[in-house]
C-alpha atoms as a PDB file:
ATOM      1  CA  MET A   1      40.607 124.613   4.539  1.00  0.00           C
ATOM      2  CA  ALA A   2      43.789 123.284   6.375  1.00  0.00           C
ATOM      3  CA  TYR A   3      44.277 119.752   6.549  1.00  0.00           C
ATOM      4  CA  ASN A   4      46.660 117.828   8.778  1.00  0.00           C
ATOM      5  CA  GLN A   5      48.864 116.016   6.563  1.00  0.00           C
ATOM      6  CA  ASN A   6      49.854 113.495   9.266  1.00  0.00           C
ATOM      7  CA  ARG A   7      46.228 112.200   9.643  1.00  0.00           C
ATOM      8  CA  ASN A   8      44.875 110.266   6.688  1.00  0.00           C
ATOM      9  CA  PRO A   9      43.203 106.849   7.881  1.00  0.00           C
ATOM     10  CA  PHE A  10      40.282 106.175   5.365  1.00  0.00           C
ATOM     11  CA  LYS A  11      37.059 105.829   7.152  1.00  0.00           C
ATOM     12  CA  LYS A  12      34.586 106.060   4.279  1.00  0.00           C
ATOM     13  CA  SER A  13      31.568 103.965   4.656  1.00  0.00           C
ATOM     14  CA  SER A  14      30.816 101.914   1.503  1.00  0.00           C
ATOM     15  CA  SER A  15      27.206 103.249   1.512  1.00  0.00           C
ATOM     16  CA  THR A  16      28.287 106.858   1.416  1.00  0.00           C
ATOM     17  CA  PRO A  17      27.567 108.324  -2.059  1.00  0.00           C
ATOM     18  CA  ILE A  18      30.360 110.626  -3.162  1.00  0.00           C
ATOM     19  CA  TYR A  19      29.884 113.140  -5.860  1.00  0.00           C
ATOM     20  CA  ARG A  20      32.617 115.040  -7.740  1.00  0.00           C
ATOM     21  CA  LYS A  21      31.501 118.701  -8.336  1.00  0.00           C
ATOM     22  CA  ASP A  22      32.989 122.052  -9.103  1.00  0.00           C
ATOM     23  CA  LEU A  23      32.436 123.589  -5.587  1.00  0.00           C
ATOM     24  CA  GLU A  24      32.943 127.133  -4.628  1.00  0.00           C
ATOM     25  CA  ASP A  25      36.468 128.497  -4.369  1.00  0.00           C
ATOM     26  CA  GLY A  26      38.449 127.184  -1.231  1.00  0.00           C
ATOM     27  CA  ILE A  27      35.666 124.479  -0.737  1.00  0.00           C
ATOM     28  CA  LEU A  28      37.058 120.974  -1.006  1.00  0.00           C
ATOM     29  CA  GLY A  29      34.224 119.042   0.281  1.00  0.00           C
ATOM     30  CA  LYS A  30      30.444 119.286   1.609  1.00  0.00           C
ATOM     31  CA  ALA A  31      28.396 117.014   3.690  1.00  0.00           C
ATOM     32  CA  ASN A  32      24.770 117.029   2.806  1.00  0.00           C
ATOM     33  CA  LYS A  33      21.826 116.157   4.891  1.00  0.00           C
ATOM     34  CA  ASP A  34      20.880 113.445   2.488  1.00  0.00           C
ATOM     35  CA  GLY A  35      24.072 111.559   3.574  1.00  0.00           C
ATOM     36  CA  SER A  36      26.157 112.197   0.442  1.00  0.00           C
ATOM     37  CA  ILE A  37      29.343 113.935   0.226  1.00  0.00           C
ATOM     38  CA  GLU A  38      30.519 116.323  -2.504  1.00  0.00           C
ATOM     39  CA  ILE A  39      34.261 116.656  -3.281  1.00  0.00           C
ATOM     40  CA  ASP A  40      35.739 119.309  -5.519  1.00  0.00           C
ATOM     41  CA  LYS A  41      36.963 118.120  -8.874  1.00  0.00           C
ATOM     42  CA  SER A  42      40.307 119.235  -8.294  1.00  0.00           C
ATOM     43  CA  VAL A  43      40.876 116.769  -5.535  1.00  0.00           C
ATOM     44  CA  LYS A  44      42.664 113.741  -6.930  1.00  0.00           C
ATOM     45  CA  PRO A  45      40.705 110.512  -6.585  1.00  0.00           C
ATOM     46  CA  GLY A  46      42.577 108.024  -4.000  1.00  0.00           C
ATOM     47  CA  SER A  47      44.908 110.780  -2.777  1.00  0.00           C
ATOM     48  CA  ASN A  48      45.648 111.520   0.866  1.00  0.00           C
ATOM     49  CA  LEU A  49      43.815 114.753   0.326  1.00  0.00           C
ATOM     50  CA  GLU A  50      40.676 113.067  -0.842  1.00  0.00           C
ATOM     51  CA  LYS A  51      40.735 110.667   2.351  1.00  0.00           C
ATOM     52  CA  ARG A  52      41.169 113.616   4.700  1.00  0.00           C
ATOM     53  CA  VAL A  53      38.353 115.542   3.108  1.00  0.00           C
ATOM     54  CA  ILE A  54      35.980 112.498   3.203  1.00  0.00           C
ATOM     55  CA  ASN A  55      37.018 111.676   6.829  1.00  0.00           C
ATOM     56  CA  HIS A  56      36.214 115.410   7.605  1.00  0.00           C
ATOM     57  CA  GLU A  57      32.824 115.329   5.956  1.00  0.00           C
ATOM     58  CA  ILE A  58      31.824 112.204   7.528  1.00  0.00           C
ATOM     59  CA  GLN A  59      32.265 113.625  10.931  1.00  0.00           C
ATOM     60  CA  HIS A  60      29.880 116.402   9.860  1.00  0.00           C
ATOM     61  CA  MET A  61      27.427 113.730   8.694  1.00  0.00           C
ATOM     62  CA  LYS A  62      27.681 111.893  12.011  1.00  0.00           C
ATOM     63  CA  ASP A  63      27.168 115.057  13.764  1.00  0.00           C
ATOM     64  CA  MET A  64      24.075 115.828  11.584  1.00  0.00           C
ATOM     65  CA  GLN A  65      22.702 112.239  12.221  1.00  0.00           C
ATOM     66  CA  SER A  66      23.174 112.485  16.167  1.00  0.00           C
ATOM     67  CA  GLY A  67      21.332 115.976  16.148  1.00  0.00           C
ATOM     68  CA  LYS A  68      24.550 117.760  17.119  1.00  0.00           C
ATOM     69  CA  LEU A  69      24.658 119.801  13.995  1.00  0.00           C
ATOM     70  CA  SER A  70      22.074 120.933  11.505  1.00  0.00           C
ATOM     71  CA  TYR A  71      22.029 123.626   8.944  1.00  0.00           C
ATOM     72  CA  GLY A  72      19.723 125.689   6.596  1.00  0.00           C
ATOM     73  CA  ASP A  73      20.368 128.376   4.021  1.00  0.00           C
ATOM     74  CA  ASP A  74      20.321 131.083   6.781  1.00  0.00           C
ATOM     75  CA  TYR A  75      21.727 129.262  10.032  1.00  0.00           C
ATOM     76  CA  VAL A  76      23.912 126.507  11.497  1.00  0.00           C
ATOM     77  CA  ARG A  77      22.926 124.994  14.561  1.00  0.00           C
ATOM     78  CA  TYR A  78      25.451 123.326  16.758  1.00  0.00           C
ATOM     79  CA  ASN A  79      24.751 121.779  20.494  1.00  0.00           C
ATOM     80  CA  SER A  80      21.301 123.517  20.271  1.00  0.00           C
ATOM     81  CA  LYS A  81      22.700 127.073  19.632  1.00  0.00           C
ATOM     82  CA  THR A  82      21.782 128.735  16.441  1.00  0.00           C
ATOM     83  CA  TYR A  83      24.265 130.908  14.380  1.00  0.00           C
ATOM     84  CA  PRO A  84      23.194 133.234  11.561  1.00  0.00           C
ATOM     85  CA  ARG A  85      24.337 132.314   8.173  1.00  0.00           C
ATOM     86  CA  LYS A  86      24.504 134.698   5.201  1.00  0.00           C
ATOM     87  CA  ASP A  87      26.821 135.250   1.900  1.00  0.00           C
ATOM     88  CA  GLY A  88      29.007 132.343   2.733  1.00  0.00           C
ATOM     89  CA  LYS A  89      29.790 133.439   6.328  1.00  0.00           C
ATOM     90  CA  ILE A  90      28.551 132.417   9.758  1.00  0.00           C
ATOM     91  CA  LYS A  91      28.269 134.676  12.703  1.00  0.00           C
ATOM     92  CA  TYR A  92      30.006 133.073  15.700  1.00  0.00           C
ATOM     93  CA  ASN A  93      30.726 134.773  19.070  1.00  0.00           C
ATOM     94  CA  GLY A  94      29.779 138.296  17.464  1.00  0.00           C
ATOM     95  CA  LYS A  95      32.064 137.947  14.524  1.00  0.00           C
ATOM     96  CA  TRP A  96      31.309 136.897  10.913  1.00  0.00           C
ATOM     97  CA  TYR A  97      33.668 133.961   9.867  1.00  0.00           C
ATOM     98  CA  LYS A  98      33.881 132.458   6.405  1.00  0.00           C
ATOM     99  CA  GLU A  99      32.164 129.089   6.327  1.00  0.00           C
ATOM    100  CA  GLY A 100      34.788 126.217   6.992  1.00  0.00           C
ATOM    101  CA  SER A 101      36.738 128.447   9.381  1.00  0.00           C
ATOM    102  CA  ASP A 102      38.533 126.626  12.078  1.00  0.00           C
ATOM    103  CA  ALA A 103      37.060 129.131  14.553  1.00  0.00           C
ATOM    104  CA  PHE A 104      33.982 126.933  14.624  1.00  0.00           C
ATOM    105  CA  PRO A 105      33.685 124.086  17.287  1.00  0.00           C
ATOM    106  CA  TRP A 106      32.133 121.906  14.523  1.00  0.00           C
ATOM    107  CA  GLU A 107      35.090 122.260  12.162  1.00  0.00           C
ATOM    108  CA  LYS A 108      37.506 121.759  14.860  1.00  0.00           C
ATOM    109  CA  ARG A 109      35.648 118.470  15.638  1.00  0.00           C
ATOM    110  CA  ALA A 110      35.697 117.377  11.881  1.00  0.00           C
ATOM    111  CA  GLU A 111      39.513 118.242  11.465  1.00  0.00           C
ATOM    112  CA  ASN A 112      40.198 115.944  14.422  1.00  0.00           C
ATOM    113  CA  ASN A 113      38.660 113.265  12.297  1.00  0.00           C
ATOM    114  CA  GLU A 114      40.903 113.944   9.317  1.00  0.00           C
END
């Protein structure tokens, strides 16, 4: 994922559980439906990168809480439109993109929150 180095305000809620895990290659963070965030162990605690990843994932959680965004093993739903999801990719506008791609409007929205 590409993160804007100039945006790093820390917006984490003190009630957001954060777990450090070994995530898939290229994945630095995940927002979960249960309100928790997973951060890859390679991201240094307290770093600007960690703050950007948390802010990014918090936007995804806000979008899920509002009903704007949801997901399952085989789909992502954004603004009431459902996109197929398979093998780490999502089909958007007729083309398969790797999950986390900035081609997706929900990713662009989260990037703006970094």
